[in-house]
Structures are given as C-alpha cells and as structure tokens.
Amino acid sequence: MFTTPRQLVVSLVLTWLIEWATAAVILRRSDRRLAYNVLLINALTNPPAVAAFTEFGIHFLLIELLVVIVEVPLYRLLLRVPWRLALTIGVLANALSAAAGFLL
C-alpha cells in the first residue's frame, strides 16, 4: 500500500498533537519549547514508522517498540527529565497516539 505525502503529514500532525498533549499533562506544563521538542522527536520517528508499516508490512507492535526505544532517550535529552519520566512519556504518548491511529 502506497502512503501519500498527505497521509504522512496528517499522521505526523495527529501524532504530534496527541503526544504533545500527553507530555504537557504529565509534565504539568505546556510551552513552545515542549511543543517544538515533541514535534522534532515525532518528525524523526513517525515517517519511518508509517513507512515501515504501510510499505514494508512490519508488525505494528515491533514498530511501536522501536519507536519507544528511540524516543525515550530523546525525551530524556531534549526535555531534560529523569529516565523514569522520559519512559512514562514515551510509553503513554505512543500508546495513545497508536490507539488514535486505530480509530482513524
């Protein structure tokens, strides 16, 4: 199945909004820096994840596991939070955005 540029953009925007909201709730703050960092992280992981699923048929759970493995250290570094908090954000944010993907 071929993924169009529009689908990639919609996927990235929805993922970013959900994961930004999740991080904002967990961190109890929402500012431009948080929005930018979550967007940067999602821009690095969402397009390859979508392509891995739609173009190559890689199992969804494996993709999500790999995304979390990549995103958690990035959350730790860019958001300057402890590992446990980065893991919480990474797992919960990806679970919610993945669930939303199934609803669409």
N, C-alpha and C. Protein backbone atom coordinates (compact mmCIF):
# COMPACT_ATOMS: atom_id res chain seq x y z
N MET A 1 0.85 -1.18 0.00
CA MET A 1 0.00 0.00 0.00
C MET A 1 0.89 1.24 0.00
N PHE A 2 0.64 2.15 -0.91
CA PHE A 2 1.44 3.35 -1.04
C PHE A 2 0.91 4.44 -0.11
N THR A 3 1.81 5.09 0.63
CA THR A 3 1.44 6.18 1.53
C THR A 3 1.67 7.51 0.82
N THR A 4 0.63 8.33 0.77
CA THR A 4 0.75 9.63 0.11
C THR A 4 1.39 10.64 1.04
N PRO A 5 1.97 11.70 0.48
CA PRO A 5 2.52 12.75 1.32
C PRO A 5 1.48 13.34 2.27
N ARG A 6 0.25 13.47 1.79
CA ARG A 6 -0.82 14.00 2.65
C ARG A 6 -1.05 13.09 3.86
N GLN A 7 -1.07 11.79 3.63
CA GLN A 7 -1.25 10.85 4.74
C GLN A 7 -0.11 10.96 5.75
N LEU A 8 1.10 11.13 5.26
CA LEU A 8 2.25 11.29 6.15
C LEU A 8 2.12 12.54 7.00
N VAL A 9 1.70 13.64 6.38
CA VAL A 9 1.55 14.90 7.11
C VAL A 9 0.44 14.79 8.14
N VAL A 10 -0.69 14.24 7.75
CA VAL A 10 -1.80 14.07 8.69
C VAL A 10 -1.39 13.18 9.86
N SER A 11 -0.72 12.10 9.57
CA SER A 11 -0.24 11.19 10.62
C SER A 11 0.71 11.91 11.58
N LEU A 12 1.64 12.67 11.02
CA LEU A 12 2.59 13.38 11.86
C LEU A 12 1.90 14.43 12.73
N VAL A 13 1.00 15.19 12.16
CA VAL A 13 0.32 16.25 12.92
C VAL A 13 -0.53 15.65 14.04
N LEU A 14 -1.29 14.60 13.73
CA LEU A 14 -2.11 13.97 14.77
C LEU A 14 -1.25 13.35 15.87
N THR A 15 -0.18 12.69 15.46
CA THR A 15 0.74 12.11 16.44
C THR A 15 1.32 13.20 17.34
N TRP A 16 1.77 14.28 16.72
CA TRP A 16 2.35 15.38 17.48
C TRP A 16 1.36 15.97 18.47
N LEU A 17 0.14 16.23 18.03
CA LEU A 17 -0.86 16.82 18.93
C LEU A 17 -1.15 15.92 20.13
N ILE A 18 -1.29 14.64 19.86
CA ILE A 18 -1.58 13.70 20.95
C ILE A 18 -0.39 13.56 21.89
N GLU A 19 0.80 13.43 21.33
CA GLU A 19 1.98 13.23 22.18
C GLU A 19 2.38 14.51 22.90
N TRP A 20 2.16 15.65 22.28
CA TRP A 20 2.42 16.93 22.96
C TRP A 20 1.45 17.10 24.14
N ALA A 21 0.17 16.81 23.91
CA ALA A 21 -0.81 16.92 24.98
C ALA A 21 -0.48 15.96 26.12
N THR A 22 -0.06 14.75 25.77
CA THR A 22 0.30 13.77 26.79
C THR A 22 1.49 14.25 27.61
N ALA A 23 2.52 14.71 26.94
CA ALA A 23 3.70 15.23 27.65
C ALA A 23 3.35 16.43 28.50
N ALA A 24 2.48 17.31 27.99
CA ALA A 24 2.08 18.50 28.74
C ALA A 24 1.34 18.12 30.02
N VAL A 25 0.48 17.14 29.93
CA VAL A 25 -0.26 16.70 31.12
C VAL A 25 0.69 16.06 32.13
N ILE A 26 1.56 15.20 31.66
CA ILE A 26 2.49 14.52 32.56
C ILE A 26 3.44 15.51 33.22
N LEU A 27 3.94 16.46 32.45
CA LEU A 27 4.91 17.44 32.96
C LEU A 27 4.24 18.64 33.63
N ARG A 28 2.93 18.74 33.47
CA ARG A 28 2.15 19.86 34.03
C ARG A 28 2.65 21.20 33.52
N ARG A 29 3.00 21.22 32.24
CA ARG A 29 3.40 22.47 31.60
C ARG A 29 3.23 22.32 30.09
N SER A 30 3.01 23.44 29.46
CA SER A 30 2.92 23.44 28.01
C SER A 30 3.49 24.76 27.52
N ASP A 31 4.57 24.68 26.80
CA ASP A 31 5.20 25.87 26.27
C ASP A 31 5.75 25.57 24.88
N ARG A 32 6.28 26.59 24.24
CA ARG A 32 6.80 26.42 22.88
C ARG A 32 7.94 25.42 22.82
N ARG A 33 8.78 25.44 23.82
CA ARG A 33 9.92 24.51 23.83
C ARG A 33 9.44 23.06 23.87
N LEU A 34 8.46 22.79 24.70
CA LEU A 34 7.91 21.43 24.77
C LEU A 34 7.28 21.06 23.42
N ALA A 35 6.48 21.95 22.86
CA ALA A 35 5.83 21.68 21.58
C ALA A 35 6.88 21.41 20.49
N TYR A 36 7.90 22.23 20.44
CA TYR A 36 8.95 22.08 19.44
C TYR A 36 9.69 20.76 19.61
N ASN A 37 10.07 20.44 20.84
CA ASN A 37 10.84 19.21 21.08
C ASN A 37 10.03 17.95 20.76
N VAL A 38 8.76 17.95 21.13
CA VAL A 38 7.91 16.81 20.80
C VAL A 38 7.74 16.70 19.28
N LEU A 39 7.58 17.83 18.60
CA LEU A 39 7.48 17.81 17.15
C LEU A 39 8.76 17.27 16.51
N LEU A 40 9.89 17.72 17.01
CA LEU A 40 11.17 17.24 16.48
C LEU A 40 11.30 15.73 16.66
N ILE A 41 10.98 15.25 17.83
CA ILE A 41 11.06 13.80 18.10
C ILE A 41 10.11 13.04 17.18
N ASN A 42 8.88 13.52 17.06
CA ASN A 42 7.91 12.85 16.20
C ASN A 42 8.29 12.92 14.74
N ALA A 43 8.90 14.01 14.32
CA ALA A 43 9.33 14.14 12.92
C ALA A 43 10.43 13.13 12.59
N LEU A 44 11.20 12.73 13.60
CA LEU A 44 12.25 11.73 13.39
C LEU A 44 11.72 10.30 13.38
N THR A 45 10.64 10.06 14.11
CA THR A 45 10.17 8.68 14.25
C THR A 45 8.91 8.35 13.49
N ASN A 46 8.00 9.30 13.31
CA ASN A 46 6.71 9.00 12.69
C ASN A 46 6.81 8.60 11.22
N PRO A 47 7.47 9.37 10.36
CA PRO A 47 7.53 8.95 8.95
C PRO A 47 8.15 7.57 8.73
N PRO A 48 9.29 7.25 9.38
CA PRO A 48 9.81 5.89 9.20
C PRO A 48 8.87 4.81 9.75
N ALA A 49 8.18 5.12 10.84
CA ALA A 49 7.25 4.14 11.41
C ALA A 49 6.08 3.88 10.47
N VAL A 50 5.53 4.95 9.91
CA VAL A 50 4.42 4.80 8.96
C VAL A 50 4.89 4.01 7.75
N ALA A 51 6.05 4.34 7.22
CA ALA A 51 6.57 3.63 6.05
C ALA A 51 6.84 2.16 6.37
N ALA A 52 7.39 1.90 7.54
CA ALA A 52 7.68 0.51 7.92
C ALA A 52 6.40 -0.32 7.95
N PHE A 53 5.32 0.29 8.39
CA PHE A 53 4.05 -0.44 8.48
C PHE A 53 3.37 -0.54 7.12
N THR A 54 3.21 0.59 6.44
CA THR A 54 2.43 0.59 5.20
C THR A 54 3.19 0.06 4.00
N GLU A 55 4.46 0.35 3.93
CA GLU A 55 5.23 -0.04 2.74
C GLU A 55 5.89 -1.41 2.88
N PHE A 56 6.29 -1.75 4.10
CA PHE A 56 7.05 -2.99 4.29
C PHE A 56 6.33 -4.05 5.11
N GLY A 57 5.19 -3.68 5.68
CA GLY A 57 4.38 -4.64 6.42
C GLY A 57 5.01 -5.15 7.71
N ILE A 58 5.88 -4.36 8.30
CA ILE A 58 6.48 -4.75 9.57
C ILE A 58 5.41 -4.72 10.65
N HIS A 59 5.46 -5.68 11.55
CA HIS A 59 4.44 -5.82 12.59
C HIS A 59 4.32 -4.54 13.42
N PHE A 60 3.09 -4.13 13.62
CA PHE A 60 2.78 -2.89 14.32
C PHE A 60 3.43 -2.80 15.70
N LEU A 61 3.35 -3.85 16.49
CA LEU A 61 3.90 -3.82 17.85
C LEU A 61 5.43 -3.70 17.84
N LEU A 62 6.07 -4.31 16.87
CA LEU A 62 7.52 -4.18 16.75
C LEU A 62 7.89 -2.73 16.43
N ILE A 63 7.14 -2.13 15.53
CA ILE A 63 7.40 -0.72 15.18
C ILE A 63 7.22 0.16 16.41
N GLU A 64 6.15 -0.03 17.14
CA GLU A 64 5.90 0.79 18.34
C GLU A 64 7.00 0.60 19.38
N LEU A 65 7.46 -0.62 19.55
CA LEU A 65 8.56 -0.88 20.49
C LEU A 65 9.81 -0.14 20.05
N LEU A 66 10.13 -0.20 18.78
CA LEU A 66 11.31 0.50 18.27
C LEU A 66 11.17 2.02 18.40
N VAL A 67 9.97 2.53 18.16
CA VAL A 67 9.73 3.97 18.31
C VAL A 67 9.97 4.39 19.76
N VAL A 68 9.46 3.63 20.70
CA VAL A 68 9.66 3.96 22.12
C VAL A 68 11.14 3.90 22.47
N ILE A 69 11.84 2.90 21.97
CA ILE A 69 13.28 2.77 22.25
C ILE A 69 14.05 3.99 21.73
N VAL A 70 13.62 4.52 20.60
CA VAL A 70 14.28 5.71 20.05
C VAL A 70 13.84 6.98 20.78
N GLU A 71 12.55 7.08 21.08
CA GLU A 71 12.02 8.33 21.62
C GLU A 71 12.39 8.57 23.09
N VAL A 72 12.44 7.54 23.89
CA VAL A 72 12.70 7.75 25.32
C VAL A 72 14.02 8.48 25.57
N PRO A 73 15.14 8.06 24.98
CA PRO A 73 16.37 8.84 25.20
C PRO A 73 16.27 10.27 24.67
N LEU A 74 15.52 10.45 23.58
CA LEU A 74 15.34 11.80 23.06
C LEU A 74 14.51 12.67 24.01
N TYR A 75 13.46 12.09 24.57
CA TYR A 75 12.68 12.82 25.59
C TYR A 75 13.58 13.18 26.77
N ARG A 76 14.38 12.23 27.19
CA ARG A 76 15.30 12.47 28.33
C ARG A 76 16.25 13.63 28.02
N LEU A 77 16.83 13.60 26.84
CA LEU A 77 17.81 14.61 26.46
C LEU A 77 17.17 15.98 26.20
N LEU A 78 16.14 16.00 25.38
CA LEU A 78 15.57 17.28 24.96
C LEU A 78 14.67 17.92 26.03
N LEU A 79 13.96 17.10 26.79
CA LEU A 79 13.09 17.66 27.82
C LEU A 79 13.78 17.79 29.17
N ARG A 80 14.99 17.23 29.25
CA ARG A 80 15.78 17.29 30.49
C ARG A 80 14.99 16.76 31.69
N VAL A 81 14.48 15.54 31.52
CA VAL A 81 13.72 14.88 32.57
C VAL A 81 14.43 13.59 32.96
N PRO A 82 14.14 13.06 34.15
CA PRO A 82 14.74 11.77 34.55
C PRO A 82 14.28 10.63 33.63
N TRP A 83 15.07 9.56 33.62
CA TRP A 83 14.77 8.42 32.76
C TRP A 83 13.36 7.89 32.98
N ARG A 84 12.96 7.75 34.24
CA ARG A 84 11.63 7.20 34.54
C ARG A 84 10.53 8.06 33.93
N LEU A 85 10.67 9.37 34.02
CA LEU A 85 9.68 10.27 33.45
C LEU A 85 9.71 10.22 31.92
N ALA A 86 10.89 10.14 31.34
CA ALA A 86 11.01 10.01 29.89
C ALA A 86 10.35 8.71 29.42
N LEU A 87 10.54 7.64 30.16
CA LEU A 87 9.92 6.36 29.82
C LEU A 87 8.39 6.45 29.92
N THR A 88 7.91 7.09 30.96
CA THR A 88 6.47 7.27 31.13
C THR A 88 5.88 8.06 29.97
N ILE A 89 6.53 9.15 29.62
CA ILE A 89 6.04 9.96 28.49
C ILE A 89 6.09 9.16 27.21
N GLY A 90 7.21 8.49 26.95
CA GLY A 90 7.37 7.74 25.71
C GLY A 90 6.34 6.64 25.54
N VAL A 91 6.14 5.87 26.59
CA VAL A 91 5.21 4.73 26.51
C VAL A 91 3.77 5.22 26.41
N LEU A 92 3.38 6.13 27.30
CA LEU A 92 1.99 6.58 27.32
C LEU A 92 1.65 7.39 26.06
N ALA A 93 2.53 8.28 25.65
CA ALA A 93 2.26 9.10 24.46
C ALA A 93 2.11 8.22 23.23
N ASN A 94 2.98 7.22 23.09
CA ASN A 94 2.89 6.34 21.93
C ASN A 94 1.69 5.41 22.00
N ALA A 95 1.33 4.98 23.17
CA ALA A 95 0.13 4.14 23.31
C ALA A 95 -1.12 4.93 22.89
N LEU A 96 -1.19 6.18 23.32
CA LEU A 96 -2.36 6.99 22.98
C LEU A 96 -2.39 7.35 21.50
N SER A 97 -1.25 7.71 20.93
CA SER A 97 -1.25 8.05 19.50
C SER A 97 -1.49 6.81 18.65
N ALA A 98 -0.99 5.67 19.08
CA ALA A 98 -1.24 4.43 18.33
C ALA A 98 -2.72 4.05 18.40
N ALA A 99 -3.32 4.20 19.57
CA ALA A 99 -4.75 3.91 19.72
C ALA A 99 -5.58 4.85 18.84
N ALA A 100 -5.20 6.10 18.77
CA ALA A 100 -5.91 7.04 17.90
C ALA A 100 -5.77 6.64 16.44
N GLY A 101 -4.62 6.13 16.08
CA GLY A 101 -4.40 5.67 14.71
C GLY A 101 -5.35 4.54 14.33
N PHE A 102 -5.65 3.67 15.29
CA PHE A 102 -6.58 2.59 15.01
C PHE A 102 -8.01 3.10 14.86
N LEU A 103 -8.32 4.17 15.56
CA LEU A 103 -9.67 4.73 15.49
C LEU A 103 -9.91 5.44 14.16
N LEU A 104 -8.84 5.89 13.54
CA LEU A 104 -9.00 6.61 12.27
C LEU A 104 -8.99 5.62 11.18
